[in-house]
PDB file of all heavy atoms in Angstrom:
ATOM      1  N   VAL A   1    -136.941 -68.221 -18.333  1.00  0.00           N
ATOM      2  CA  VAL A   1    -137.049 -66.877 -18.897  1.00  0.00           C
ATOM      3  C   VAL A   1    -136.852 -65.849 -17.796  1.00  0.00           C
ATOM      4  O   VAL A   1    -137.235 -66.051 -16.641  1.00  0.00           O
ATOM      5  CB  VAL A   1    -138.414 -66.641 -19.581  1.00  0.00           C
ATOM      6  CG1 VAL A   1    -138.569 -67.524 -20.808  1.00  0.00           C
ATOM      7  CG2 VAL A   1    -139.559 -66.882 -18.605  1.00  0.00           C
ATOM      8  N   ILE A   2    -136.249 -64.715 -18.154  1.00  0.00           N
ATOM      9  CA  ILE A   2    -136.115 -63.596 -17.233  1.00  0.00           C
ATOM     10  C   ILE A   2    -137.481 -62.925 -17.091  1.00  0.00           C
ATOM     11  O   ILE A   2    -138.185 -62.746 -18.091  1.00  0.00           O
ATOM     12  CB  ILE A   2    -135.071 -62.591 -17.763  1.00  0.00           C
ATOM     13  CG1 ILE A   2    -133.712 -63.280 -17.936  1.00  0.00           C
ATOM     14  CG2 ILE A   2    -134.943 -61.383 -16.826  1.00  0.00           C
ATOM     15  CD1 ILE A   2    -132.712 -62.449 -18.715  1.00  0.00           C
ATOM     16  N   PRO A   3    -137.894 -62.551 -15.879  1.00  0.00           N
ATOM     17  CA  PRO A   3    -139.192 -61.887 -15.707  1.00  0.00           C
ATOM     18  C   PRO A   3    -139.338 -60.655 -16.598  1.00  0.00           C
ATOM     19  O   PRO A   3    -138.399 -59.873 -16.765  1.00  0.00           O
ATOM     20  CB  PRO A   3    -139.184 -61.496 -14.232  1.00  0.00           C
ATOM     21  CG  PRO A   3    -138.305 -62.522 -13.576  1.00  0.00           C
ATOM     22  CD  PRO A   3    -137.227 -62.794 -14.579  1.00  0.00           C
ATOM     23  N   VAL A   4    -140.538 -60.510 -17.169  1.00  0.00           N
ATOM     24  CA  VAL A   4    -140.830 -59.378 -18.051  1.00  0.00           C
ATOM     25  C   VAL A   4    -141.972 -58.566 -17.459  1.00  0.00           C
ATOM     26  O   VAL A   4    -142.595 -58.951 -16.466  1.00  0.00           O
ATOM     27  CB  VAL A   4    -141.194 -59.855 -19.477  1.00  0.00           C
ATOM     28  CG1 VAL A   4    -140.021 -60.587 -20.125  1.00  0.00           C
ATOM     29  CG2 VAL A   4    -142.436 -60.748 -19.447  1.00  0.00           C
ATOM     30  N   SER A   5    -142.273 -57.444 -18.071  1.00  0.00           N
ATOM     31  CA  SER A   5    -143.314 -56.551 -17.565  1.00  0.00           C
ATOM     32  C   SER A   5    -144.643 -57.288 -17.395  1.00  0.00           C
ATOM     33  O   SER A   5    -145.052 -58.067 -18.262  1.00  0.00           O
ATOM     34  CB  SER A   5    -143.503 -55.374 -18.510  1.00  0.00           C
ATOM     35  OG  SER A   5    -142.388 -54.516 -18.470  1.00  0.00           O
ATOM     36  N   GLY A   6    -145.297 -57.027 -16.256  1.00  0.00           N
ATOM     37  CA  GLY A   6    -146.574 -57.647 -15.949  1.00  0.00           C
ATOM     38  C   GLY A   6    -146.463 -58.931 -15.163  1.00  0.00           C
ATOM     39  O   GLY A   6    -147.472 -59.431 -14.655  1.00  0.00           O
ATOM     40  N   ASP A   7    -145.258 -59.483 -15.024  1.00  0.00           N
ATOM     41  CA  ASP A   7    -145.080 -60.744 -14.313  1.00  0.00           C
ATOM     42  C   ASP A   7    -145.074 -60.547 -12.804  1.00  0.00           C
ATOM     43  O   ASP A   7    -144.779 -59.456 -12.289  1.00  0.00           O
ATOM     44  CB  ASP A   7    -143.770 -61.415 -14.720  1.00  0.00           C
ATOM     45  CG  ASP A   7    -143.832 -62.044 -16.094  1.00  0.00           C
ATOM     46  OD1 ASP A   7    -144.882 -61.942 -16.751  1.00  0.00           O
ATOM     47  OD2 ASP A   7    -142.811 -62.627 -16.520  1.00  0.00           O
ATOM     48  N   THR A   8    -145.366 -61.627 -12.097  1.00  0.00           N
ATOM     49  CA  THR A   8    -145.197 -61.698 -10.649  1.00  0.00           C
ATOM     50  C   THR A   8    -143.975 -62.546 -10.346  1.00  0.00           C
ATOM     51  O   THR A   8    -143.852 -63.672 -10.844  1.00  0.00           O
ATOM     52  CB  THR A   8    -146.434 -62.313  -9.976  1.00  0.00           C
ATOM     53  OG1 THR A   8    -147.542 -61.419 -10.123  1.00  0.00           O
ATOM     54  CG2 THR A   8    -146.191 -62.571  -8.500  1.00  0.00           C
ATOM     55  N   VAL A   9    -143.071 -62.000  -9.551  1.00  0.00           N
ATOM     56  CA  VAL A   9    -141.842 -62.707  -9.183  1.00  0.00           C
ATOM     57  C   VAL A   9    -142.008 -63.291  -7.786  1.00  0.00           C
ATOM     58  O   VAL A   9    -142.398 -62.587  -6.846  1.00  0.00           O
ATOM     59  CB  VAL A   9    -140.636 -61.751  -9.229  1.00  0.00           C
ATOM     60  CG1 VAL A   9    -139.424 -62.377  -8.531  1.00  0.00           C
ATOM     61  CG2 VAL A   9    -140.295 -61.410 -10.666  1.00  0.00           C
ATOM     62  N   VAL A  10    -141.719 -64.592  -7.648  1.00  0.00           N
ATOM     63  CA  VAL A  10    -141.820 -65.282  -6.365  1.00  0.00           C
ATOM     64  C   VAL A  10    -140.443 -65.816  -5.989  1.00  0.00           C
ATOM     65  O   VAL A  10    -139.824 -66.566  -6.745  1.00  0.00           O
ATOM     66  CB  VAL A  10    -142.839 -66.431  -6.424  1.00  0.00           C
ATOM     67  CG1 VAL A  10    -142.866 -67.193  -5.101  1.00  0.00           C
ATOM     68  CG2 VAL A  10    -144.234 -65.896  -6.747  1.00  0.00           C
ATOM     69  N   ILE A  11    -139.992 -65.421  -4.803  1.00  0.00           N
ATOM     70  CA  ILE A  11    -138.707 -65.885  -4.281  1.00  0.00           C
ATOM     71  C   ILE A  11    -139.008 -66.538  -2.936  1.00  0.00           C
ATOM     72  O   ILE A  11    -139.053 -65.879  -1.899  1.00  0.00           O
ATOM     73  CB  ILE A  11    -137.714 -64.708  -4.126  1.00  0.00           C
ATOM     74  CG1 ILE A  11    -137.526 -63.999  -5.473  1.00  0.00           C
ATOM     75  CG2 ILE A  11    -136.370 -65.203  -3.594  1.00  0.00           C
ATOM     76  CD1 ILE A  11    -136.805 -62.669  -5.383  1.00  0.00           C
ATOM     77  N   ASP A  12    -139.266 -67.842  -2.955  1.00  0.00           N
ATOM     78  CA  ASP A  12    -139.730 -68.528  -1.746  1.00  0.00           C
ATOM     79  C   ASP A  12    -139.112 -69.901  -1.560  1.00  0.00           C
ATOM     80  O   ASP A  12    -139.584 -70.698  -0.742  1.00  0.00           O
ATOM     81  CB  ASP A  12    -141.256 -68.643  -1.758  1.00  0.00           C
ATOM     82  CG  ASP A  12    -141.783 -69.532  -2.879  1.00  0.00           C
ATOM     83  OD1 ASP A  12    -140.988 -69.944  -3.756  1.00  0.00           O
ATOM     84  OD2 ASP A  12    -143.005 -69.811  -2.889  1.00  0.00           O
ATOM     85  N   GLN A  13    -138.039 -70.199  -2.305  1.00  0.00           N
ATOM     86  CA  GLN A  13    -137.435 -71.519  -2.242  1.00  0.00           C
ATOM     87  C   GLN A  13    -136.348 -71.584  -1.166  1.00  0.00           C
ATOM     88  O   GLN A  13    -135.551 -70.656  -1.023  1.00  0.00           O
ATOM     89  CB  GLN A  13    -136.827 -71.884  -3.594  1.00  0.00           C
ATOM     90  CG  GLN A  13    -137.824 -71.846  -4.752  1.00  0.00           C
ATOM     91  CD  GLN A  13    -138.932 -72.867  -4.593  1.00  0.00           C
ATOM     92  OE1 GLN A  13    -138.685 -74.059  -4.555  1.00  0.00           O
ATOM     93  NE2 GLN A  13    -140.168 -72.382  -4.495  1.00  0.00           N
ATOM     94  N   THR A  14    -136.310 -72.691  -0.424  1.00  0.00           N
ATOM     95  CA  THR A  14    -135.258 -72.891   0.574  1.00  0.00           C
ATOM     96  C   THR A  14    -133.921 -73.169  -0.102  1.00  0.00           C
ATOM     97  O   THR A  14    -132.875 -72.656   0.315  1.00  0.00           O
ATOM     98  CB  THR A  14    -135.623 -74.061   1.502  1.00  0.00           C
ATOM     99  OG1 THR A  14    -136.855 -73.768   2.155  1.00  0.00           O
ATOM    100  CG2 THR A  14    -134.541 -74.293   2.544  1.00  0.00           C
ATOM    101  N   LEU A  15    -133.950 -73.997  -1.155  1.00  0.00           N
ATOM    102  CA  LEU A  15    -132.762 -74.385  -1.922  1.00  0.00           C
ATOM    103  C   LEU A  15    -131.702 -74.973  -0.994  1.00  0.00           C
ATOM    104  O   LEU A  15    -132.030 -75.600   0.003  1.00  0.00           O
ATOM    105  CB  LEU A  15    -132.249 -73.199  -2.740  1.00  0.00           C
ATOM    106  CG  LEU A  15    -133.296 -72.610  -3.714  1.00  0.00           C
ATOM    107  CD1 LEU A  15    -132.761 -71.383  -4.427  1.00  0.00           C
ATOM    108  CD2 LEU A  15    -133.752 -73.655  -4.713  1.00  0.00           C
ATOM    109  N   GLY A  16    -130.419 -74.771  -1.278  1.00  0.00           N
ATOM    110  CA  GLY A  16    -129.375 -75.446  -0.497  1.00  0.00           C
ATOM    111  C   GLY A  16    -128.869 -74.669   0.695  1.00  0.00           C
ATOM    112  O   GLY A  16    -128.018 -75.162   1.438  1.00  0.00           O
ATOM    113  N   GLY A  17    -129.387 -73.474   0.908  1.00  0.00           N
ATOM    114  CA  GLY A  17    -128.907 -72.630   2.003  1.00  0.00           C
ATOM    115  C   GLY A  17    -129.093 -71.170   1.622  1.00  0.00           C
ATOM    116  O   GLY A  17    -129.757 -70.849   0.634  1.00  0.00           O
ATOM    117  N   PRO A  18    -128.524 -70.247   2.390  1.00  0.00           N
ATOM    118  CA  PRO A  18    -128.684 -68.822   2.097  1.00  0.00           C
ATOM    119  C   PRO A  18    -128.187 -68.458   0.696  1.00  0.00           C
ATOM    120  O   PRO A  18    -127.150 -68.957   0.243  1.00  0.00           O
ATOM    121  CB  PRO A  18    -127.822 -68.148   3.175  1.00  0.00           C
ATOM    122  CG  PRO A  18    -127.796 -69.132   4.300  1.00  0.00           C
ATOM    123  CD  PRO A  18    -127.772 -70.485   3.642  1.00  0.00           C
ATOM    124  N   TYR A  19    -128.936 -67.596   0.023  1.00  0.00           N
ATOM    125  CA  TYR A  19    -128.552 -67.162  -1.315  1.00  0.00           C
ATOM    126  C   TYR A  19    -128.961 -65.706  -1.521  1.00  0.00           C
ATOM    127  O   TYR A  19    -129.902 -65.214  -0.899  1.00  0.00           O
ATOM    128  CB  TYR A  19    -129.183 -68.054  -2.392  1.00  0.00           C
ATOM    129  CG  TYR A  19    -130.695 -68.149  -2.355  1.00  0.00           C
ATOM    130  CD1 TYR A  19    -131.493 -67.339  -3.163  1.00  0.00           C
ATOM    131  CD2 TYR A  19    -131.341 -69.062  -1.518  1.00  0.00           C
ATOM    132  CE1 TYR A  19    -132.876 -67.436  -3.135  1.00  0.00           C
ATOM    133  CE2 TYR A  19    -132.719 -69.168  -1.480  1.00  0.00           C
ATOM    134  CZ  TYR A  19    -133.485 -68.361  -2.291  1.00  0.00           C
ATOM    135  OH  TYR A  19    -134.854 -68.447  -2.258  1.00  0.00           O
ATOM    136  N   THR A  20    -128.217 -65.030  -2.413  1.00  0.00           N
ATOM    137  CA  THR A  20    -128.449 -63.616  -2.701  1.00  0.00           C
ATOM    138  C   THR A  20    -128.730 -63.437  -4.185  1.00  0.00           C
ATOM    139  O   THR A  20    -127.974 -63.917  -5.032  1.00  0.00           O
ATOM    140  CB  THR A  20    -127.232 -62.765  -2.307  1.00  0.00           C
ATOM    141  OG1 THR A  20    -127.025 -62.871  -0.893  1.00  0.00           O
ATOM    142  CG2 THR A  20    -127.445 -61.301  -2.671  1.00  0.00           C
ATOM    143  N   ILE A  21    -129.819 -62.746  -4.479  1.00  0.00           N
ATOM    144  CA  ILE A  21    -130.168 -62.402  -5.857  1.00  0.00           C
ATOM    145  C   ILE A  21    -129.818 -60.934  -6.062  1.00  0.00           C
ATOM    146  O   ILE A  21    -130.343 -60.055  -5.377  1.00  0.00           O
ATOM    147  CB  ILE A  21    -131.664 -62.633  -6.121  1.00  0.00           C
ATOM    148  CG1 ILE A  21    -132.027 -64.087  -5.839  1.00  0.00           C
ATOM    149  CG2 ILE A  21    -132.026 -62.254  -7.556  1.00  0.00           C
ATOM    150  CD1 ILE A  21    -133.524 -64.350  -5.817  1.00  0.00           C
ATOM    151  N   SER A  22    -128.926 -60.675  -6.994  1.00  0.00           N
ATOM    152  CA  SER A  22    -128.497 -59.303  -7.277  1.00  0.00           C
ATOM    153  C   SER A  22    -129.258 -58.783  -8.489  1.00  0.00           C
ATOM    154  O   SER A  22    -129.127 -59.339  -9.594  1.00  0.00           O
ATOM    155  CB  SER A  22    -126.994 -59.257  -7.539  1.00  0.00           C
ATOM    156  OG  SER A  22    -126.275 -59.691  -6.402  1.00  0.00           O
ATOM    157  N   TYR A  23    -130.038 -57.736  -8.285  1.00  0.00           N
ATOM    158  CA  TYR A  23    -130.817 -57.192  -9.395  1.00  0.00           C
ATOM    159  C   TYR A  23    -129.875 -56.503 -10.371  1.00  0.00           C
ATOM    160  O   TYR A  23    -129.244 -55.502 -10.042  1.00  0.00           O
ATOM    161  CB  TYR A  23    -131.873 -56.212  -8.885  1.00  0.00           C
ATOM    162  CG  TYR A  23    -132.812 -55.757  -9.983  1.00  0.00           C
ATOM    163  CD1 TYR A  23    -133.827 -56.592 -10.438  1.00  0.00           C
ATOM    164  CD2 TYR A  23    -132.668 -54.512 -10.581  1.00  0.00           C
ATOM    165  CE1 TYR A  23    -134.678 -56.206 -11.457  1.00  0.00           C
ATOM    166  CE2 TYR A  23    -133.516 -54.115 -11.593  1.00  0.00           C
ATOM    167  CZ  TYR A  23    -134.521 -54.956 -12.033  1.00  0.00           C
ATOM    168  OH  TYR A  23    -135.352 -54.557 -13.053  1.00  0.00           O
ATOM    169  N   ASN A  24    -129.789 -57.033 -11.584  1.00  0.00           N
ATOM    170  CA  ASN A  24    -128.870 -56.508 -12.593  1.00  0.00           C
ATOM    171  C   ASN A  24    -129.550 -56.406 -13.953  1.00  0.00           C
ATOM    172  O   ASN A  24    -128.904 -56.496 -14.994  1.00  0.00           O
ATOM    173  CB  ASN A  24    -127.628 -57.393 -12.701  1.00  0.00           C
ATOM    174  CG  ASN A  24    -127.948 -58.827 -13.133  1.00  0.00           C
ATOM    175  OD1 ASN A  24    -129.106 -59.249 -13.105  1.00  0.00           O
ATOM    176  ND2 ASN A  24    -126.934 -59.574 -13.511  1.00  0.00           N
ATOM    177  N   ASN A  25    -130.864 -56.217 -13.945  1.00  0.00           N
ATOM    178  CA  ASN A  25    -131.633 -56.181 -15.182  1.00  0.00           C
ATOM    179  C   ASN A  25    -131.565 -54.795 -15.799  1.00  0.00           C
ATOM    180  O   ASN A  25    -132.051 -53.816 -15.226  1.00  0.00           O
ATOM    181  CB  ASN A  25    -133.086 -56.572 -14.906  1.00  0.00           C
ATOM    182  CG  ASN A  25    -133.864 -56.822 -16.178  1.00  0.00           C
ATOM    183  OD1 ASN A  25    -133.282 -56.968 -17.247  1.00  0.00           O
ATOM    184  ND2 ASN A  25    -135.174 -56.880 -16.069  1.00  0.00           N
ATOM    185  N   ALA A  26    -130.966 -54.686 -16.978  1.00  0.00           N
ATOM    186  CA  ALA A  26    -130.854 -53.397 -17.652  1.00  0.00           C
ATOM    187  C   ALA A  26    -132.084 -53.065 -18.479  1.00  0.00           C
ATOM    188  O   ALA A  26    -132.258 -51.923 -18.913  1.00  0.00           O
ATOM    189  CB  ALA A  26    -129.611 -53.382 -18.545  1.00  0.00           C
ATOM    190  N   ALA A  27    -132.954 -54.051 -18.709  1.00  0.00           N
ATOM    191  CA  ALA A  27    -134.153 -53.826 -19.517  1.00  0.00           C
ATOM    192  C   ALA A  27    -135.191 -53.029 -18.725  1.00  0.00           C
ATOM    193  O   ALA A  27    -135.276 -53.121 -17.502  1.00  0.00           O
ATOM    194  CB  ALA A  27    -134.749 -55.164 -19.946  1.00  0.00           C
ATOM    195  N   ALA A  28    -135.991 -52.246 -19.431  1.00  0.00           N
ATOM    196  CA  ALA A  28    -137.061 -51.471 -18.796  1.00  0.00           C
ATOM    197  C   ALA A  28    -138.233 -52.405 -18.526  1.00  0.00           C
ATOM    198  O   ALA A  28    -139.042 -52.683 -19.409  1.00  0.00           O
ATOM    199  CB  ALA A  28    -137.474 -50.314 -19.688  1.00  0.00           C
ATOM    200  N   THR A  29    -138.325 -52.910 -17.305  1.00  0.00           N
ATOM    201  CA  THR A  29    -139.338 -53.903 -16.936  1.00  0.00           C
ATOM    202  C   THR A  29    -140.157 -53.390 -15.765  1.00  0.00           C
ATOM    203  O   THR A  29    -139.605 -52.884 -14.791  1.00  0.00           O
ATOM    204  CB  THR A  29    -138.659 -55.225 -16.541  1.00  0.00           C
ATOM    205  OG1 THR A  29    -137.844 -55.677 -17.627  1.00  0.00           O
ATOM    206  CG2 THR A  29    -139.685 -56.287 -16.201  1.00  0.00           C
ATOM    207  N   THR A  30    -141.475 -53.516 -15.864  1.00  0.00           N
ATOM    208  CA  THR A  30    -142.364 -53.121 -14.778  1.00  0.00           C
ATOM    209  C   THR A  30    -143.173 -54.334 -14.346  1.00  0.00           C
ATOM    210  O   THR A  30    -144.022 -54.815 -15.089  1.00  0.00           O
ATOM    211  CB  THR A  30    -143.307 -51.982 -15.216  1.00  0.00           C
ATOM    212  OG1 THR A  30    -142.539 -50.873 -15.661  1.00  0.00           O
ATOM    213  CG2 THR A  30    -144.184 -51.540 -14.052  1.00  0.00           C
ATOM    214  N   LEU A  31    -142.904 -54.826 -13.150  1.00  0.00           N
ATOM    215  CA  LEU A  31    -143.508 -56.059 -12.668  1.00  0.00           C
ATOM    216  C   LEU A  31    -144.848 -55.809 -11.995  1.00  0.00           C
ATOM    217  O   LEU A  31    -145.151 -54.690 -11.569  1.00  0.00           O
ATOM    218  CB  LEU A  31    -142.560 -56.744 -11.688  1.00  0.00           C
ATOM    219  CG  LEU A  31    -141.177 -57.114 -12.239  1.00  0.00           C
ATOM    220  CD1 LEU A  31    -140.273 -57.567 -11.106  1.00  0.00           C
ATOM    221  CD2 LEU A  31    -141.278 -58.199 -13.301  1.00  0.00           C
ATOM    222  N   GLN A  32    -145.639 -56.870 -11.860  1.00  0.00           N
ATOM    223  CA  GLN A  32    -146.899 -56.806 -11.121  1.00  0.00           C
ATOM    224  C   GLN A  32    -146.654 -56.901  -9.621  1.00  0.00           C
ATOM    225  O   GLN A  32    -147.265 -56.183  -8.827  1.00  0.00           O
ATOM    226  CB  GLN A  32    -147.830 -57.930 -11.556  1.00  0.00           C
ATOM    227  CG  GLN A  32    -149.128 -58.023 -10.753  1.00  0.00           C
ATOM    228  CD  GLN A  32    -150.022 -56.807 -10.945  1.00  0.00           C
ATOM    229  OE1 GLN A  32    -150.267 -56.391 -12.069  1.00  0.00           O
ATOM    230  NE2 GLN A  32    -150.501 -56.241  -9.848  1.00  0.00           N
ATOM    231  N   ALA A  33    -145.759 -57.805  -9.229  1.00  0.00           N
ATOM    232  CA  ALA A  33    -145.482 -57.999  -7.810  1.00  0.00           C
ATOM    233  C   ALA A  33    -144.146 -58.702  -7.639  1.00  0.00           C
ATOM    234  O   ALA A  33    -143.696 -59.442  -8.526  1.00  0.00           O
ATOM    235  CB  ALA A  33    -146.593 -58.810  -7.135  1.00  0.00           C
ATOM    236  N   VAL A  34    -143.523 -58.455  -6.487  1.00  0.00           N
ATOM    237  CA  VAL A  34    -142.371 -59.233  -6.044  1.00  0.00           C
ATOM    238  C   VAL A  34    -142.713 -59.761  -4.663  1.00  0.00           C
ATOM    239  O   VAL A  34    -143.030 -58.988  -3.746  1.00  0.00           O
ATOM    240  CB  VAL A  34    -141.085 -58.394  -5.997  1.00  0.00           C
ATOM    241  CG1 VAL A  34    -139.949 -59.189  -5.355  1.00  0.00           C
ATOM    242  CG2 VAL A  34    -140.675 -57.954  -7.403  1.00  0.00           C
ATOM    243  N   VAL A  35    -142.683 -61.094  -4.525  1.00  0.00           N
ATOM    244  CA  VAL A  35    -143.067 -61.758  -3.281  1.00  0.00           C
ATOM    245  C   VAL A  35    -141.847 -62.495  -2.737  1.00  0.00           C
ATOM    246  O   VAL A  35    -141.343 -63.426  -3.367  1.00  0.00           O
ATOM    247  CB  VAL A  35    -144.228 -62.744  -3.510  1.00  0.00           C
ATOM    248  CG1 VAL A  35    -144.603 -63.443  -2.211  1.00  0.00           C
ATOM    249  CG2 VAL A  35    -145.432 -62.018  -4.114  1.00  0.00           C
ATOM    250  N   LEU A  36    -141.367 -62.065  -1.576  1.00  0.00           N
ATOM    251  CA  LEU A  36    -140.206 -62.689  -0.940  1.00  0.00           C
ATOM    252  C   LEU A  36    -140.696 -63.442   0.282  1.00  0.00           C
ATOM    253  O   LEU A  36    -141.289 -62.840   1.186  1.00  0.00           O
ATOM    254  CB  LEU A  36    -139.186 -61.621  -0.542  1.00  0.00           C
ATOM    255  CG  LEU A  36    -137.805 -62.124  -0.129  1.00  0.00           C
ATOM    256  CD1 LEU A  36    -137.035 -62.595  -1.364  1.00  0.00           C
ATOM    257  CD2 LEU A  36    -137.016 -61.038   0.589  1.00  0.00           C
ATOM    258  N   GLY A  37    -140.451 -64.773   0.315  1.00  0.00           N
ATOM    259  CA  GLY A  37    -141.056 -65.575   1.365  1.00  0.00           C
ATOM    260  C   GLY A  37    -140.218 -66.711   1.887  1.00  0.00           C
ATOM    261  O   GLY A  37    -140.766 -67.741   2.292  1.00  0.00           O
ATOM    262  N   ASN A  38    -138.891 -66.550   1.904  1.00  0.00           N
ATOM    263  CA  ASN A  38    -138.059 -67.588   2.499  1.00  0.00           C
ATOM    264  C   ASN A  38    -136.878 -66.938   3.214  1.00  0.00           C
ATOM    265  O   ASN A  38    -136.248 -66.014   2.680  1.00  0.00           O
ATOM    266  CB  ASN A  38    -137.552 -68.564   1.440  1.00  0.00           C
ATOM    267  CG  ASN A  38    -136.957 -69.820   2.066  1.00  0.00           C
ATOM    268  OD1 ASN A  38    -135.832 -69.813   2.547  1.00  0.00           O
ATOM    269  ND2 ASN A  38    -137.721 -70.903   2.068  1.00  0.00           N
ATOM    270  N   ALA A  39    -136.579 -67.427   4.415  1.00  0.00           N
ATOM    271  CA  ALA A  39    -135.531 -66.821   5.240  1.00  0.00           C
ATOM    272  C   ALA A  39    -134.144 -66.947   4.612  1.00  0.00           C
ATOM    273  O   ALA A  39    -133.227 -66.191   4.969  1.00  0.00           O
ATOM    274  CB  ALA A  39    -135.536 -67.447   6.634  1.00  0.00           C
ATOM    275  N   ASN A  40    -133.958 -67.871   3.686  1.00  0.00           N
ATOM    276  CA  ASN A  40    -132.652 -68.039   3.040  1.00  0.00           C
ATOM    277  C   ASN A  40    -132.382 -66.983   1.970  1.00  0.00           C
ATOM    278  O   ASN A  40    -131.261 -66.841   1.506  1.00  0.00           O
ATOM    279  CB  ASN A  40    -132.544 -69.420   2.399  1.00  0.00           C
ATOM    280  CG  ASN A  40    -132.221 -70.508   3.400  1.00  0.00           C
ATOM    281  OD1 ASN A  40    -131.832 -70.232   4.532  1.00  0.00           O
ATOM    282  ND2 ASN A  40    -132.393 -71.759   3.004  1.00  0.00           N
ATOM    283  N   ALA A  41    -133.408 -66.256   1.560  1.00  0.00           N
ATOM    284  CA  ALA A  41    -133.301 -65.389   0.386  1.00  0.00           C
ATOM    285  C   ALA A  41    -132.972 -63.948   0.752  1.00  0.00           C
ATOM    286  O   ALA A  41    -133.534 -63.376   1.678  1.00  0.00           O
ATOM    287  CB  ALA A  41    -134.597 -65.425  -0.400  1.00  0.00           C
ATOM    288  N   THR A  42    -132.063 -63.349  -0.035  1.00  0.00           N
ATOM    289  CA  THR A  42    -131.775 -61.919   0.035  1.00  0.00           C
ATOM    290  C   THR A  42    -131.872 -61.353  -1.371  1.00  0.00           C
ATOM    291  O   THR A  42    -131.267 -61.876  -2.308  1.00  0.00           O
ATOM    292  CB  THR A  42    -130.378 -61.641   0.600  1.00  0.00           C
ATOM    293  OG1 THR A  42    -130.308 -62.103   1.947  1.00  0.00           O
ATOM    294  CG2 THR A  42    -130.055 -60.144   0.565  1.00  0.00           C
ATOM    295  N   LEU A  43    -132.634 -60.274  -1.521  1.00  0.00           N
ATOM    296  CA  LEU A  43    -132.736 -59.564  -2.788  1.00  0.00           C
ATOM    297  C   LEU A  43    -132.060 -58.217  -2.632  1.00  0.00           C
ATOM    298  O   LEU A  43    -132.420 -57.428  -1.750  1.00  0.00           O
ATOM    299  CB  LEU A  43    -134.202 -59.371  -3.183  1.00  0.00           C
ATOM    300  CG  LEU A  43    -134.476 -58.512  -4.437  1.00  0.00           C
ATOM    301  CD1 LEU A  43    -133.854 -59.142  -5.682  1.00  0.00           C
ATOM    302  CD2 LEU A  43    -135.976 -58.309  -4.621  1.00  0.00           C
ATOM    303  N   THR A  44    -131.073 -57.943  -3.492  1.00  0.00           N
ATOM    304  CA  THR A  44    -130.358 -56.685  -3.427  1.00  0.00           C
ATOM    305  C   THR A  44    -130.005 -56.241  -4.842  1.00  0.00           C
ATOM    306  O   THR A  44    -130.579 -56.740  -5.817  1.00  0.00           O
ATOM    307  CB  THR A  44    -129.113 -56.804  -2.524  1.00  0.00           C
ATOM    308  OG1 THR A  44    -128.514 -55.511  -2.351  1.00  0.00           O
ATOM    309  CG2 THR A  44    -128.088 -57.760  -3.102  1.00  0.00           C
ATOM    310  N   PHE A  45    -129.081 -55.317  -4.972  1.00  0.00           N
ATOM    311  CA  PHE A  45    -128.686 -54.780  -6.272  1.00  0.00           C
ATOM    312  C   PHE A  45    -127.238 -55.138  -6.559  1.00  0.00           C
ATOM    313  O   PHE A  45    -126.434 -55.325  -5.634  1.00  0.00           O
ATOM    314  CB  PHE A  45    -128.850 -53.259  -6.299  1.00  0.00           C
ATOM    315  CG  PHE A  45    -130.276 -52.798  -6.320  1.00  0.00           C
ATOM    316  CD1 PHE A  45    -131.033 -52.770  -5.158  1.00  0.00           C
ATOM    317  CD2 PHE A  45    -130.877 -52.404  -7.501  1.00  0.00           C
ATOM    318  CE1 PHE A  45    -132.352 -52.345  -5.176  1.00  0.00           C
ATOM    319  CE2 PHE A  45    -132.197 -51.976  -7.532  1.00  0.00           C
ATOM    320  CZ  PHE A  45    -132.927 -51.954  -6.368  1.00  0.00           C
TER     321      PHE A  45
END
């Protein structure tokens, strides 16, 4: 499921190597927290 209002988002997986998450959510969503905790991860738009 796509994160919805009130959720906590965790981005902490090593996975197969560097990866980029592009924020493209058009829905009006208000999260509780975003936690970024792995050197392979990039969060952008």
